[in-house]
Amino acid sequence: MYPLSMSDRARFGVCPEPTLKLQFADGHRRQVELNRFVRFEADSNYTNCIFQDGSRLLVSITLGQLLTRISPTEYIRIHSKHAINRQYVAGVIPGKQVVRLITGEDVVIARRRMREILAELPALSFD
């Protein structure tokens, strides 16, 4: 089964996926489904939005401002520079202070947030 487009969802009465309106490089604003983003990475007054396929979109909004627009149940801020999509978390590696994503990436957790992250996300064991 193929995913429905936003117009098909409306036509068939399916609840739409949560979206985020972002301005692209061509100057146009578009709605993007939140589940397409693996993580967000701060870059000064900009934010890199990293998609499932590894591509990036640089938007002119701070990470803090962007996170106020989305539900905290979907994304978790693990560092001043990083927020990750909970759907893509494989687990936490406590000894290395990183979150491993199902894409294979390891994202650093801030020391001060480690206890909070361990309480919210599953730990990986390498037995």
PDB file of N, CA and C in Angstrom:
ATOM      1  N   MET A   1       0.840  -1.185   0.000  1.00  0.00           N
ATOM      2  CA  MET A   1       0.000   0.000   0.000  1.00  0.00           C
ATOM      3  C   MET A   1       0.885   1.248   0.000  1.00  0.00           C
ATOM      4  N   TYR A   2       0.535   2.209  -0.810  1.00  0.00           N
ATOM      5  CA  TYR A   2       1.317   3.429  -0.916  1.00  0.00           C
ATOM      6  C   TYR A   2       0.790   4.469   0.060  1.00  0.00           C
ATOM      7  N   PRO A   3       1.689   5.324   0.591  1.00  0.00           N
ATOM      8  CA  PRO A   3       1.216   6.382   1.475  1.00  0.00           C
ATOM      9  C   PRO A   3       0.326   7.350   0.713  1.00  0.00           C
ATOM     10  N   LEU A   4      -0.687   7.847   1.382  1.00  0.00           N
ATOM     11  CA  LEU A   4      -1.610   8.797   0.761  1.00  0.00           C
ATOM     12  C   LEU A   4      -1.022  10.196   0.791  1.00  0.00           C
ATOM     13  N   SER A   5      -1.270  10.939  -0.269  1.00  0.00           N
ATOM     14  CA  SER A   5      -0.858  12.339  -0.277  1.00  0.00           C
ATOM     15  C   SER A   5      -1.787  13.110   0.649  1.00  0.00           C
ATOM     16  N   MET A   6      -1.408  14.338   0.980  1.00  0.00           N
ATOM     17  CA  MET A   6      -2.239  15.136   1.877  1.00  0.00           C
ATOM     18  C   MET A   6      -3.614  15.399   1.277  1.00  0.00           C
ATOM     19  N   SER A   7      -3.698  15.619  -0.046  1.00  0.00           N
ATOM     20  CA  SER A   7      -4.999  15.871  -0.662  1.00  0.00           C
ATOM     21  C   SER A   7      -5.863  14.613  -0.636  1.00  0.00           C
ATOM     22  N   ASP A   8      -5.245  13.424  -0.830  1.00  0.00           N
ATOM     23  CA  ASP A   8      -6.000  12.175  -0.753  1.00  0.00           C
ATOM     24  C   ASP A   8      -6.489  11.913   0.664  1.00  0.00           C
ATOM     25  N   ARG A   9      -5.672  12.243   1.653  1.00  0.00           N
ATOM     26  CA  ARG A   9      -6.088  12.061   3.045  1.00  0.00           C
ATOM     27  C   ARG A   9      -7.342  12.880   3.333  1.00  0.00           C
ATOM     28  N   ALA A  10      -7.356  14.118   2.878  1.00  0.00           N
ATOM     29  CA  ALA A  10      -8.513  14.984   3.097  1.00  0.00           C
ATOM     30  C   ALA A  10      -9.728  14.438   2.355  1.00  0.00           C
ATOM     31  N   ARG A  11      -9.526  13.987   1.140  1.00  0.00           N
ATOM     32  CA  ARG A  11     -10.636  13.492   0.330  1.00  0.00           C
ATOM     33  C   ARG A  11     -11.250  12.232   0.925  1.00  0.00           C
ATOM     34  N   PHE A  12     -10.428  11.333   1.489  1.00  0.00           N
ATOM     35  CA  PHE A  12     -10.934  10.083   2.044  1.00  0.00           C
ATOM     36  C   PHE A  12     -11.238  10.169   3.539  1.00  0.00           C
ATOM     37  N   GLY A  13     -11.054  11.331   4.123  1.00  0.00           N
ATOM     38  CA  GLY A  13     -11.376  11.513   5.533  1.00  0.00           C
ATOM     39  C   GLY A  13     -10.379  10.879   6.490  1.00  0.00           C
ATOM     40  N   VAL A  14      -9.166  10.684   6.046  1.00  0.00           N
ATOM     41  CA  VAL A  14      -8.120  10.113   6.893  1.00  0.00           C
ATOM     42  C   VAL A  14      -7.457  11.243   7.657  1.00  0.00           C
ATOM     43  N   CYS A  15      -7.188  11.021   8.937  1.00  0.00           N
ATOM     44  CA  CYS A  15      -6.515  12.048   9.737  1.00  0.00           C
ATOM     45  C   CYS A  15      -5.157  12.354   9.123  1.00  0.00           C
ATOM     46  N   PRO A  16      -4.875  13.606   8.898  1.00  0.00           N
ATOM     47  CA  PRO A  16      -3.584  13.947   8.298  1.00  0.00           C
ATOM     48  C   PRO A  16      -2.444  13.757   9.286  1.00  0.00           C
ATOM     49  N   GLU A  17      -1.282  13.448   8.740  1.00  0.00           N
ATOM     50  CA  GLU A  17      -0.075  13.388   9.559  1.00  0.00           C
ATOM     51  C   GLU A  17       0.243  14.808  10.015  1.00  0.00           C
ATOM     52  N   PRO A  18       0.832  14.959  11.212  1.00  0.00           N
ATOM     53  CA  PRO A  18       1.251  16.294  11.628  1.00  0.00           C
ATOM     54  C   PRO A  18       2.269  16.851  10.635  1.00  0.00           C
ATOM     55  N   THR A  19       2.128  18.115  10.319  1.00  0.00           N
ATOM     56  CA  THR A  19       3.020  18.741   9.345  1.00  0.00           C
ATOM     57  C   THR A  19       3.686  19.968   9.929  1.00  0.00           C
ATOM     58  N   LEU A  20       4.691  20.421   9.227  1.00  0.00           N
ATOM     59  CA  LEU A  20       5.419  21.626   9.590  1.00  0.00           C
ATOM     60  C   LEU A  20       5.579  22.445   8.328  1.00  0.00           C
ATOM     61  N   LYS A  21       5.234  23.715   8.393  1.00  0.00           N
ATOM     62  CA  LYS A  21       5.381  24.582   7.230  1.00  0.00           C
ATOM     63  C   LYS A  21       6.781  25.181   7.253  1.00  0.00           C
ATOM     64  N   LEU A  22       7.538  24.928   6.171  1.00  0.00           N
ATOM     65  CA  LEU A  22       8.921  25.396   6.076  1.00  0.00           C
ATOM     66  C   LEU A  22       9.138  26.159   4.783  1.00  0.00           C
ATOM     67  N   GLN A  23      10.045  27.119   4.842  1.00  0.00           N
ATOM     68  CA  GLN A  23      10.399  27.876   3.648  1.00  0.00           C
ATOM     69  C   GLN A  23      11.603  27.221   2.988  1.00  0.00           C
ATOM     70  N   PHE A  24      11.461  26.855   1.720  1.00  0.00           N
ATOM     71  CA  PHE A  24      12.527  26.205   0.968  1.00  0.00           C
ATOM     72  C   PHE A  24      13.406  27.238   0.285  1.00  0.00           C
ATOM     73  N   ALA A  25      14.520  26.764  -0.265  1.00  0.00           N
ATOM     74  CA  ALA A  25      15.508  27.645  -0.895  1.00  0.00           C
ATOM     75  C   ALA A  25      14.923  28.444  -2.045  1.00  0.00           C
ATOM     76  N   ASP A  26      13.909  27.907  -2.725  1.00  0.00           N
ATOM     77  CA  ASP A  26      13.306  28.631  -3.844  1.00  0.00           C
ATOM     78  C   ASP A  26      12.362  29.743  -3.374  1.00  0.00           C
ATOM     79  N   GLY A  27      12.243  29.914  -2.058  1.00  0.00           N
ATOM     80  CA  GLY A  27      11.422  30.985  -1.510  1.00  0.00           C
ATOM     81  C   GLY A  27       9.988  30.584  -1.212  1.00  0.00           C
ATOM     82  N   HIS A  28       9.575  29.415  -1.653  1.00  0.00           N
ATOM     83  CA  HIS A  28       8.209  28.954  -1.414  1.00  0.00           C
ATOM     84  C   HIS A  28       8.104  28.219  -0.088  1.00  0.00           C
ATOM     85  N   ARG A  29       6.950  28.366   0.551  1.00  0.00           N
ATOM     86  CA  ARG A  29       6.682  27.645   1.790  1.00  0.00           C
ATOM     87  C   ARG A  29       5.862  26.413   1.462  1.00  0.00           C
ATOM     88  N   ARG A  30       6.234  25.305   2.090  1.00  0.00           N
ATOM     89  CA  ARG A  30       5.523  24.048   1.850  1.00  0.00           C
ATOM     90  C   ARG A  30       5.296  23.322   3.171  1.00  0.00           C
ATOM     91  N   GLN A  31       4.222  22.567   3.204  1.00  0.00           N
ATOM     92  CA  GLN A  31       3.942  21.703   4.352  1.00  0.00           C
ATOM     93  C   GLN A  31       4.745  20.418   4.176  1.00  0.00           C
ATOM     94  N   VAL A  32       5.439  20.007   5.209  1.00  0.00           N
ATOM     95  CA  VAL A  32       6.212  18.774   5.179  1.00  0.00           C
ATOM     96  C   VAL A  32       5.757  17.922   6.357  1.00  0.00           C
ATOM     97  N   GLU A  33       5.488  16.641   6.099  1.00  0.00           N
ATOM     98  CA  GLU A  33       5.071  15.745   7.171  1.00  0.00           C
ATOM     99  C   GLU A  33       6.226  15.534   8.143  1.00  0.00           C
ATOM    100  N   LEU A  34       5.928  15.659   9.438  1.00  0.00           N
ATOM    101  CA  LEU A  34       6.964  15.564  10.461  1.00  0.00           C
ATOM    102  C   LEU A  34       7.653  14.213  10.489  1.00  0.00           C
ATOM    103  N   ASN A  35       6.944  13.150  10.120  1.00  0.00           N
ATOM    104  CA  ASN A  35       7.568  11.824  10.198  1.00  0.00           C
ATOM    105  C   ASN A  35       8.649  11.622   9.134  1.00  0.00           C
ATOM    106  N   ARG A  36       8.800  12.556   8.205  1.00  0.00           N
ATOM    107  CA  ARG A  36       9.863  12.469   7.195  1.00  0.00           C
ATOM    108  C   ARG A  36      11.211  12.925   7.738  1.00  0.00           C
ATOM    109  N   PHE A  37      11.218  13.645   8.857  1.00  0.00           N
ATOM    110  CA  PHE A  37      12.461  14.149   9.451  1.00  0.00           C
ATOM    111  C   PHE A  37      13.001  13.142  10.458  1.00  0.00           C
ATOM    112  N   VAL A  38      14.283  12.829  10.351  1.00  0.00           N
ATOM    113  CA  VAL A  38      14.944  11.962  11.319  1.00  0.00           C
ATOM    114  C   VAL A  38      15.378  12.793  12.515  1.00  0.00           C
ATOM    115  N   ARG A  39      15.949  13.958  12.222  1.00  0.00           N
ATOM    116  CA  ARG A  39      16.431  14.814  13.311  1.00  0.00           C
ATOM    117  C   ARG A  39      16.589  16.246  12.826  1.00  0.00           C
ATOM    118  N   PHE A  40      16.778  17.131  13.797  1.00  0.00           N
ATOM    119  CA  PHE A  40      17.059  18.540  13.528  1.00  0.00           C
ATOM    120  C   PHE A  40      18.402  18.863  14.177  1.00  0.00           C
ATOM    121  N   GLU A  41      19.197  19.684  13.496  1.00  0.00           N
ATOM    122  CA  GLU A  41      20.508  20.055  14.014  1.00  0.00           C
ATOM    123  C   GLU A  41      20.665  21.568  13.945  1.00  0.00           C
ATOM    124  N   ALA A  42      20.967  22.187  15.084  1.00  0.00           N
ATOM    125  CA  ALA A  42      21.131  23.635  15.148  1.00  0.00           C
ATOM    126  C   ALA A  42      22.417  24.063  14.454  1.00  0.00           C
ATOM    127  N   ASP A  43      22.340  25.214  13.803  1.00  0.00           N
ATOM    128  CA  ASP A  43      23.491  25.808  13.138  1.00  0.00           C
ATOM    129  C   ASP A  43      23.348  27.320  13.287  1.00  0.00           C
ATOM    130  N   SER A  44      23.770  27.831  14.457  1.00  0.00           N
ATOM    131  CA  SER A  44      23.636  29.251  14.786  1.00  0.00           C
ATOM    132  C   SER A  44      22.158  29.644  14.769  1.00  0.00           C
ATOM    133  N   ASN A  45      21.770  30.606  13.941  1.00  0.00           N
ATOM    134  CA  ASN A  45      20.371  31.029  13.872  1.00  0.00           C
ATOM    135  C   ASN A  45      19.580  30.257  12.821  1.00  0.00           C
ATOM    136  N   TYR A  46      20.124  29.150  12.372  1.00  0.00           N
ATOM    137  CA  TYR A  46      19.486  28.296  11.369  1.00  0.00           C
ATOM    138  C   TYR A  46      19.340  26.892  11.931  1.00  0.00           C
ATOM    139  N   THR A  47      18.568  26.077  11.239  1.00  0.00           N
ATOM    140  CA  THR A  47      18.411  24.677  11.622  1.00  0.00           C
ATOM    141  C   THR A  47      18.496  23.810  10.375  1.00  0.00           C
ATOM    142  N   ASN A  48      19.294  22.757  10.454  1.00  0.00           N
ATOM    143  CA  ASN A  48      19.351  21.751   9.406  1.00  0.00           C
ATOM    144  C   ASN A  48      18.290  20.709   9.711  1.00  0.00           C
ATOM    145  N   CYS A  49      17.396  20.475   8.778  1.00  0.00           N
ATOM    146  CA  CYS A  49      16.384  19.437   8.897  1.00  0.00           C
ATOM    147  C   CYS A  49      16.900  18.245   8.101  1.00  0.00           C
ATOM    148  N   ILE A  50      17.133  17.120   8.778  1.00  0.00           N
ATOM    149  CA  ILE A  50      17.701  15.957   8.115  1.00  0.00           C
ATOM    150  C   ILE A  50      16.578  14.954   7.833  1.00  0.00           C
ATOM    151  N   PHE A  51      16.434  14.596   6.556  1.00  0.00           N
ATOM    152  CA  PHE A  51      15.377  13.702   6.118  1.00  0.00           C
ATOM    153  C   PHE A  51      15.814  12.244   6.212  1.00  0.00           C
ATOM    154  N   GLN A  52      14.862  11.330   5.971  1.00  0.00           N
ATOM    155  CA  GLN A  52      15.111   9.888   6.023  1.00  0.00           C
ATOM    156  C   GLN A  52      16.218   9.455   5.079  1.00  0.00           C
ATOM    157  N   ASP A  53      16.289  10.068   3.913  1.00  0.00           N
ATOM    158  CA  ASP A  53      17.284   9.658   2.910  1.00  0.00           C
ATOM    159  C   ASP A  53      18.652  10.315   3.118  1.00  0.00           C
ATOM    160  N   GLY A  54      18.803  11.092   4.183  1.00  0.00           N
ATOM    161  CA  GLY A  54      20.078  11.743   4.480  1.00  0.00           C
ATOM    162  C   GLY A  54      20.193  13.149   3.927  1.00  0.00           C
ATOM    163  N   SER A  55      19.260  13.559   3.075  1.00  0.00           N
ATOM    164  CA  SER A  55      19.310  14.921   2.538  1.00  0.00           C
ATOM    165  C   SER A  55      18.984  15.923   3.642  1.00  0.00           C
ATOM    166  N   ARG A  56      19.428  17.141   3.428  1.00  0.00           N
ATOM    167  CA  ARG A  56      19.266  18.201   4.431  1.00  0.00           C
ATOM    168  C   ARG A  56      18.562  19.403   3.833  1.00  0.00           C
ATOM    169  N   LEU A  57      17.862  20.102   4.696  1.00  0.00           N
ATOM    170  CA  LEU A  57      17.227  21.357   4.323  1.00  0.00           C
ATOM    171  C   LEU A  57      17.591  22.369   5.397  1.00  0.00           C
ATOM    172  N   LEU A  58      18.242  23.458   5.013  1.00  0.00           N
ATOM    173  CA  LEU A  58      18.610  24.518   5.942  1.00  0.00           C
ATOM    174  C   LEU A  58      17.480  25.533   5.974  1.00  0.00           C
ATOM    175  N   VAL A  59      16.918  25.766   7.167  1.00  0.00           N
ATOM    176  CA  VAL A  59      15.824  26.725   7.312  1.00  0.00           C
ATOM    177  C   VAL A  59      16.257  27.844   8.250  1.00  0.00           C
ATOM    178  N   SER A  60      15.718  29.023   8.018  1.00  0.00           N
ATOM    179  CA  SER A  60      16.132  30.201   8.790  1.00  0.00           C
ATOM    180  C   SER A  60      15.260  30.382  10.032  1.00  0.00           C
ATOM    181  N   ILE A  61      15.371  29.422  10.919  1.00  0.00           N
ATOM    182  CA  ILE A  61      14.682  29.466  12.212  1.00  0.00           C
ATOM    183  C   ILE A  61      15.572  28.714  13.200  1.00  0.00           C
ATOM    184  N   THR A  62      15.622  29.167  14.432  1.00  0.00           N
ATOM    185  CA  THR A  62      16.465  28.480  15.412  1.00  0.00           C
ATOM    186  C   THR A  62      15.816  27.161  15.805  1.00  0.00           C
ATOM    187  N   LEU A  63      16.625  26.267  16.333  1.00  0.00           N
ATOM    188  CA  LEU A  63      16.104  24.975  16.762  1.00  0.00           C
ATOM    189  C   LEU A  63      15.055  25.152  17.861  1.00  0.00           C
ATOM    190  N   GLY A  64      15.296  26.054  18.774  1.00  0.00           N
ATOM    191  CA  GLY A  64      14.334  26.303  19.853  1.00  0.00           C
ATOM    192  C   GLY A  64      12.990  26.782  19.321  1.00  0.00           C
ATOM    193  N   GLN A  65      13.020  27.704  18.369  1.00  0.00           N
ATOM    194  CA  GLN A  65      11.779  28.196  17.774  1.00  0.00           C
ATOM    195  C   GLN A  65      11.063  27.085  17.018  1.00  0.00           C
ATOM    196  N   LEU A  66      11.819  26.274  16.298  1.00  0.00           N
ATOM    197  CA  LEU A  66      11.221  25.185  15.544  1.00  0.00           C
ATOM    198  C   LEU A  66      10.543  24.188  16.476  1.00  0.00           C
ATOM    199  N   LEU A  67      11.168  23.873  17.596  1.00  0.00           N
ATOM    200  CA  LEU A  67      10.603  22.899  18.527  1.00  0.00           C
ATOM    201  C   LEU A  67       9.339  23.401  19.211  1.00  0.00           C
ATOM    202  N   THR A  68       9.140  24.708  19.271  1.00  0.00           N
ATOM    203  CA  THR A  68       7.889  25.222  19.848  1.00  0.00           C
ATOM    204  C   THR A  68       6.709  24.984  18.911  1.00  0.00           C
ATOM    205  N   ARG A  69       6.985  24.710  17.642  1.00  0.00           N
ATOM    206  CA  ARG A  69       5.925  24.483  16.651  1.00  0.00           C
ATOM    207  C   ARG A  69       5.459  23.035  16.570  1.00  0.00           C
ATOM    208  N   ILE A  70       6.200  22.123  17.205  1.00  0.00           N
ATOM    209  CA  ILE A  70       5.861  20.705  17.093  1.00  0.00           C
ATOM    210  C   ILE A  70       5.656  20.078  18.467  1.00  0.00           C
ATOM    211  N   SER A  71       5.011  18.943  18.482  1.00  0.00           N
ATOM    212  CA  SER A  71       4.674  18.248  19.722  1.00  0.00           C
ATOM    213  C   SER A  71       5.915  17.634  20.371  1.00  0.00           C
ATOM    214  N   PRO A  72       6.067  17.823  21.683  1.00  0.00           N
ATOM    215  CA  PRO A  72       7.209  17.224  22.369  1.00  0.00           C
ATOM    216  C   PRO A  72       7.104  15.698  22.464  1.00  0.00           C
ATOM    217  N   THR A  73       5.950  15.140  22.136  1.00  0.00           N
ATOM    218  CA  THR A  73       5.811  13.683  22.153  1.00  0.00           C
ATOM    219  C   THR A  73       6.461  13.047  20.922  1.00  0.00           C
ATOM    220  N   GLU A  74       6.718  13.827  19.891  1.00  0.00           N
ATOM    221  CA  GLU A  74       7.303  13.293  18.661  1.00  0.00           C
ATOM    222  C   GLU A  74       8.814  13.484  18.596  1.00  0.00           C
ATOM    223  N   TYR A  75       9.300  14.580  19.118  1.00  0.00           N
ATOM    224  CA  TYR A  75      10.731  14.892  19.076  1.00  0.00           C
ATOM    225  C   TYR A  75      11.236  15.149  20.478  1.00  0.00           C
ATOM    226  N   ILE A  76      12.487  14.797  20.703  1.00  0.00           N
ATOM    227  CA  ILE A  76      13.106  15.030  22.006  1.00  0.00           C
ATOM    228  C   ILE A  76      14.440  15.737  21.778  1.00  0.00           C
ATOM    229  N   ARG A  77      14.657  16.785  22.563  1.00  0.00           N
ATOM    230  CA  ARG A  77      15.918  17.523  22.453  1.00  0.00           C
ATOM    231  C   ARG A  77      16.936  16.832  23.345  1.00  0.00           C
ATOM    232  N   ILE A  78      18.017  16.367  22.740  1.00  0.00           N
ATOM    233  CA  ILE A  78      19.013  15.622  23.503  1.00  0.00           C
ATOM    234  C   ILE A  78      20.292  16.416  23.725  1.00  0.00           C
ATOM    235  N   HIS A  79      20.390  17.564  23.086  1.00  0.00           N
ATOM    236  CA  HIS A  79      21.590  18.387  23.158  1.00  0.00           C
ATOM    237  C   HIS A  79      21.168  19.784  22.702  1.00  0.00           C
ATOM    238  N   SER A  80      21.975  20.785  23.016  1.00  0.00           N
ATOM    239  CA  SER A  80      21.630  22.137  22.551  1.00  0.00           C
ATOM    240  C   SER A  80      21.617  22.219  21.029  1.00  0.00           C
ATOM    241  N   LYS A  81      22.322  21.296  20.377  1.00  0.00           N
ATOM    242  CA  LYS A  81      22.388  21.293  18.908  1.00  0.00           C
ATOM    243  C   LYS A  81      21.500  20.247  18.244  1.00  0.00           C
ATOM    244  N   HIS A  82      20.924  19.303  19.011  1.00  0.00           N
ATOM    245  CA  HIS A  82      20.237  18.176  18.396  1.00  0.00           C
ATOM    246  C   HIS A  82      18.866  17.895  18.998  1.00  0.00           C
ATOM    247  N   ALA A  83      17.906  17.643  18.112  1.00  0.00           N
ATOM    248  CA  ALA A  83      16.593  17.111  18.494  1.00  0.00           C
ATOM    249  C   ALA A  83      16.321  15.946  17.552  1.00  0.00           C
ATOM    250  N   ILE A  84      15.819  14.839  18.098  1.00  0.00           N
ATOM    251  CA  ILE A  84      15.632  13.648  17.287  1.00  0.00           C
ATOM    252  C   ILE A  84      14.176  13.206  17.285  1.00  0.00           C
ATOM    253  N   ASN A  85      13.797  12.559  16.198  1.00  0.00           N
ATOM    254  CA  ASN A  85      12.462  11.992  16.050  1.00  0.00           C
ATOM    255  C   ASN A  85      12.447  10.670  16.812  1.00  0.00           C
ATOM    256  N   ARG A  86      11.523  10.534  17.756  1.00  0.00           N
ATOM    257  CA  ARG A  86      11.457   9.326  18.587  1.00  0.00           C
ATOM    258  C   ARG A  86      11.217   8.063  17.765  1.00  0.00           C
ATOM    259  N   GLN A  87      10.571   8.191  16.618  1.00  0.00           N
ATOM    260  CA  GLN A  87      10.290   7.023  15.773  1.00  0.00           C
ATOM    261  C   GLN A  87      11.558   6.391  15.205  1.00  0.00           C
ATOM    262  N   TYR A  88      12.640   7.144  15.142  1.00  0.00           N
ATOM    263  CA  TYR A  88      13.877   6.669  14.534  1.00  0.00           C
ATOM    264  C   TYR A  88      14.919   6.227  15.555  1.00  0.00           C
ATOM    265  N   VAL A  89      14.557   6.162  16.822  1.00  0.00           N
ATOM    266  CA  VAL A  89      15.516   5.792  17.865  1.00  0.00           C
ATOM    267  C   VAL A  89      15.629   4.278  17.963  1.00  0.00           C
ATOM    268  N   ALA A  90      16.863   3.782  17.829  1.00  0.00           N
ATOM    269  CA  ALA A  90      17.124   2.359  18.062  1.00  0.00           C
ATOM    270  C   ALA A  90      17.370   2.145  19.549  1.00  0.00           C
ATOM    271  N   GLY A  91      18.052   3.095  20.190  1.00  0.00           N
ATOM    272  CA  GLY A  91      18.319   3.003  21.618  1.00  0.00           C
ATOM    273  C   GLY A  91      19.432   3.938  22.037  1.00  0.00           C
ATOM    274  N   VAL A  92      19.689   3.928  23.342  1.00  0.00           N
ATOM    275  CA  VAL A  92      20.720   4.780  23.924  1.00  0.00           C
ATOM    276  C   VAL A  92      21.911   3.900  24.293  1.00  0.00           C
ATOM    277  N   ILE A  93      23.104   4.393  24.022  1.00  0.00           N
ATOM    278  CA  ILE A  93      24.327   3.711  24.437  1.00  0.00           C
ATOM    279  C   ILE A  93      24.900   4.537  25.592  1.00  0.00           C
ATOM    280  N   PRO A  94      24.569   4.161  26.845  1.00  0.00           N
ATOM    281  CA  PRO A  94      24.948   4.985  28.000  1.00  0.00           C
ATOM    282  C   PRO A  94      26.443   5.216  28.144  1.00  0.00           C
ATOM    283  N   GLY A  95      27.274   4.196  27.893  1.00  0.00           N
ATOM    284  CA  GLY A  95      28.723   4.339  28.054  1.00  0.00           C
ATOM    285  C   GLY A  95      29.325   5.372  27.116  1.00  0.00           C
ATOM    286  N   LYS A  96      28.726   5.558  25.952  1.00  0.00           N
ATOM    287  CA  LYS A  96      29.249   6.500  24.966  1.00  0.00           C
ATOM    288  C   LYS A  96      28.479   7.824  24.973  1.00  0.00           C
ATOM    289  N   GLN A  97      27.378   7.893  25.724  1.00  0.00           N
ATOM    290  CA  GLN A  97      26.504   9.072  25.763  1.00  0.00           C
ATOM    291  C   GLN A  97      26.011   9.461  24.384  1.00  0.00           C
ATOM    292  N   VAL A  98      25.494   8.467  23.662  1.00  0.00           N
ATOM    293  CA  VAL A  98      24.920   8.734  22.350  1.00  0.00           C
ATOM    294  C   VAL A  98      23.592   8.006  22.194  1.00  0.00           C
ATOM    295  N   VAL A  99      22.774   8.533  21.304  1.00  0.00           N
ATOM    296  CA  VAL A  99      21.556   7.861  20.871  1.00  0.00           C
ATOM    297  C   VAL A  99      21.864   7.274  19.505  1.00  0.00           C
ATOM    298  N   ARG A 100      21.590   5.995  19.338  1.00  0.00           N
ATOM    299  CA  ARG A 100      21.765   5.354  18.032  1.00  0.00           C
ATOM    300  C   ARG A 100      20.412   5.371  17.332  1.00  0.00           C
ATOM    301  N   LEU A 101      20.420   5.871  16.107  1.00  0.00           N
ATOM    302  CA  LEU A 101      19.198   5.932  15.311  1.00  0.00           C
ATOM    303  C   LEU A 101      19.125   4.707  14.408  1.00  0.00           C
ATOM    304  N   ILE A 102      17.932   4.375  13.933  1.00  0.00           N
ATOM    305  CA  ILE A 102      17.786   3.205  13.068  1.00  0.00           C
ATOM    306  C   ILE A 102      18.444   3.433  11.710  1.00  0.00           C
ATOM    307  N   THR A 103      18.806   4.669  11.419  1.00  0.00           N
ATOM    308  CA  THR A 103      19.540   4.970  10.186  1.00  0.00           C
ATOM    309  C   THR A 103      21.028   4.647  10.321  1.00  0.00           C
ATOM    310  N   GLY A 104      21.465   4.289  11.548  1.00  0.00           N
ATOM    311  CA  GLY A 104      22.870   3.968  11.792  1.00  0.00           C
ATOM    312  C   GLY A 104      23.656   5.120  12.376  1.00  0.00           C
ATOM    313  N   GLU A 105      23.074   6.305  12.426  1.00  0.00           N
ATOM    314  CA  GLU A 105      23.771   7.474  12.978  1.00  0.00           C
ATOM    315  C   GLU A 105      23.818   7.409  14.497  1.00  0.00           C
ATOM    316  N   ASP A 106      24.892   7.927  15.078  1.00  0.00           N
ATOM    317  CA  ASP A 106      24.994   8.132  16.514  1.00  0.00           C
ATOM    318  C   ASP A 106      24.972   9.628  16.761  1.00  0.00           C
ATOM    319  N   VAL A 107      24.069  10.065  17.659  1.00  0.00           N
ATOM    320  CA  VAL A 107      23.925  11.488  17.957  1.00  0.00           C
ATOM    321  C   VAL A 107      24.258  11.696  19.431  1.00  0.00           C
ATOM    322  N   VAL A 108      25.140  12.645  19.700  1.00  0.00           N
ATOM    323  CA  VAL A 108      25.638  12.904  21.053  1.00  0.00           C
ATOM    324  C   VAL A 108      24.541  13.454  21.962  1.00  0.00           C
ATOM    325  N   ILE A 109      24.532  12.953  23.204  1.00  0.00           N
ATOM    326  CA  ILE A 109      23.618  13.441  24.239  1.00  0.00           C
ATOM    327  C   ILE A 109      24.405  14.375  25.151  1.00  0.00           C
ATOM    328  N   ALA A 110      23.810  15.490  25.519  1.00  0.00           N
ATOM    329  CA  ALA A 110      24.448  16.412  26.465  1.00  0.00           C
ATOM    330  C   ALA A 110      24.565  15.729  27.829  1.00  0.00           C
ATOM    331  N   ARG A 111      25.676  15.958  28.524  1.00  0.00           N
ATOM    332  CA  ARG A 111      25.876  15.346  29.847  1.00  0.00           C
ATOM    333  C   ARG A 111      24.726  15.660  30.789  1.00  0.00           C
ATOM    334  N   ARG A 112      24.271  16.893  30.768  1.00  0.00           N
ATOM    335  CA  ARG A 112      23.213  17.317  31.697  1.00  0.00           C
ATOM    336  C   ARG A 112      21.852  16.689  31.381  1.00  0.00           C
ATOM    337  N   ARG A 113      21.689  16.188  30.187  1.00  0.00           N
ATOM    338  CA  ARG A 113      20.400  15.601  29.804  1.00  0.00           C
ATOM    339  C   ARG A 113      20.422  14.070  29.820  1.00  0.00           C
ATOM    340  N   MET A 114      21.548  13.481  30.140  1.00  0.00           N
ATOM    341  CA  MET A 114      21.702  12.030  30.054  1.00  0.00           C
ATOM    342  C   MET A 114      20.683  11.281  30.921  1.00  0.00           C
ATOM    343  N   ARG A 115      20.515  11.682  32.153  1.00  0.00           N
ATOM    344  CA  ARG A 115      19.583  10.998  33.056  1.00  0.00           C
ATOM    345  C   ARG A 115      18.153  11.075  32.525  1.00  0.00           C
ATOM    346  N   GLU A 116      17.753  12.232  32.061  1.00  0.00           N
ATOM    347  CA  GLU A 116      16.409  12.428  31.492  1.00  0.00           C
ATOM    348  C   GLU A 116      16.212  11.559  30.242  1.00  0.00           C
ATOM    349  N   ILE A 117      17.213  11.509  29.379  1.00  0.00           N
ATOM    350  CA  ILE A 117      17.120  10.732  28.137  1.00  0.00           C
ATOM    351  C   ILE A 117      17.034   9.242  28.449  1.00  0.00           C
ATOM    352  N   LEU A 118      17.828   8.768  29.402  1.00  0.00           N
ATOM    353  CA  LEU A 118      17.783   7.350  29.777  1.00  0.00           C
ATOM    354  C   LEU A 118      16.411   6.962  30.327  1.00  0.00           C
ATOM    355  N   ALA A 119      15.749   7.887  30.997  1.00  0.00           N
ATOM    356  CA  ALA A 119      14.410   7.610  31.534  1.00  0.00           C
ATOM    357  C   ALA A 119      13.360   7.542  30.429  1.00  0.00           C
ATOM    358  N   GLU A 120      13.581   8.257  29.344  1.00  0.00           N
ATOM    359  CA  GLU A 120      12.579   8.345  28.284  1.00  0.00           C
ATOM    360  C   GLU A 120      12.798   7.389  27.118  1.00  0.00           C
ATOM    361  N   LEU A 121      14.059   7.025  26.854  1.00  0.00           N
ATOM    362  CA  LEU A 121      14.367   6.206  25.687  1.00  0.00           C
ATOM    363  C   LEU A 121      14.976   4.875  26.123  1.00  0.00           C
ATOM    364  N   PRO A 122      14.788   3.806  25.341  1.00  0.00           N
ATOM    365  CA  PRO A 122      15.326   2.502  25.718  1.00  0.00           C
ATOM    366  C   PRO A 122      16.851   2.456  25.583  1.00  0.00           C
ATOM    367  N   ALA A 123      17.482   1.736  26.502  1.00  0.00           N
ATOM    368  CA  ALA A 123      18.941   1.550  26.427  1.00  0.00           C
ATOM    369  C   ALA A 123      19.243   0.340  25.555  1.00  0.00           C
ATOM    370  N   LEU A 124      20.326   0.415  24.805  1.00  0.00           N
ATOM    371  CA  LEU A 124      20.774  -0.720  23.997  1.00  0.00           C
ATOM    372  C   LEU A 124      21.734  -1.557  24.817  1.00  0.00           C
ATOM    373  N   SER A 125      21.608  -2.872  24.715  1.00  0.00           N
ATOM    374  CA  SER A 125      22.575  -3.731  25.375  1.00  0.00           C
ATOM    375  C   SER A 125      23.332  -4.512  24.302  1.00  0.00           C
ATOM    376  N   PHE A 126      24.591  -4.713  24.538  1.00  0.00           N
ATOM    377  CA  PHE A 126      25.435  -5.410  23.570  1.00  0.00           C
ATOM    378  C   PHE A 126      25.998  -6.670  24.216  1.00  0.00           C
ATOM    379  N   ASP A 127      25.099  -7.570  24.620  1.00  0.00           N
ATOM    380  CA  ASP A 127      25.516  -8.821  25.276  1.00  0.00           C
ATOM    381  C   ASP A 127      26.012  -9.818  24.259  1.00  0.00           C
TER     382      ASP A 127
END
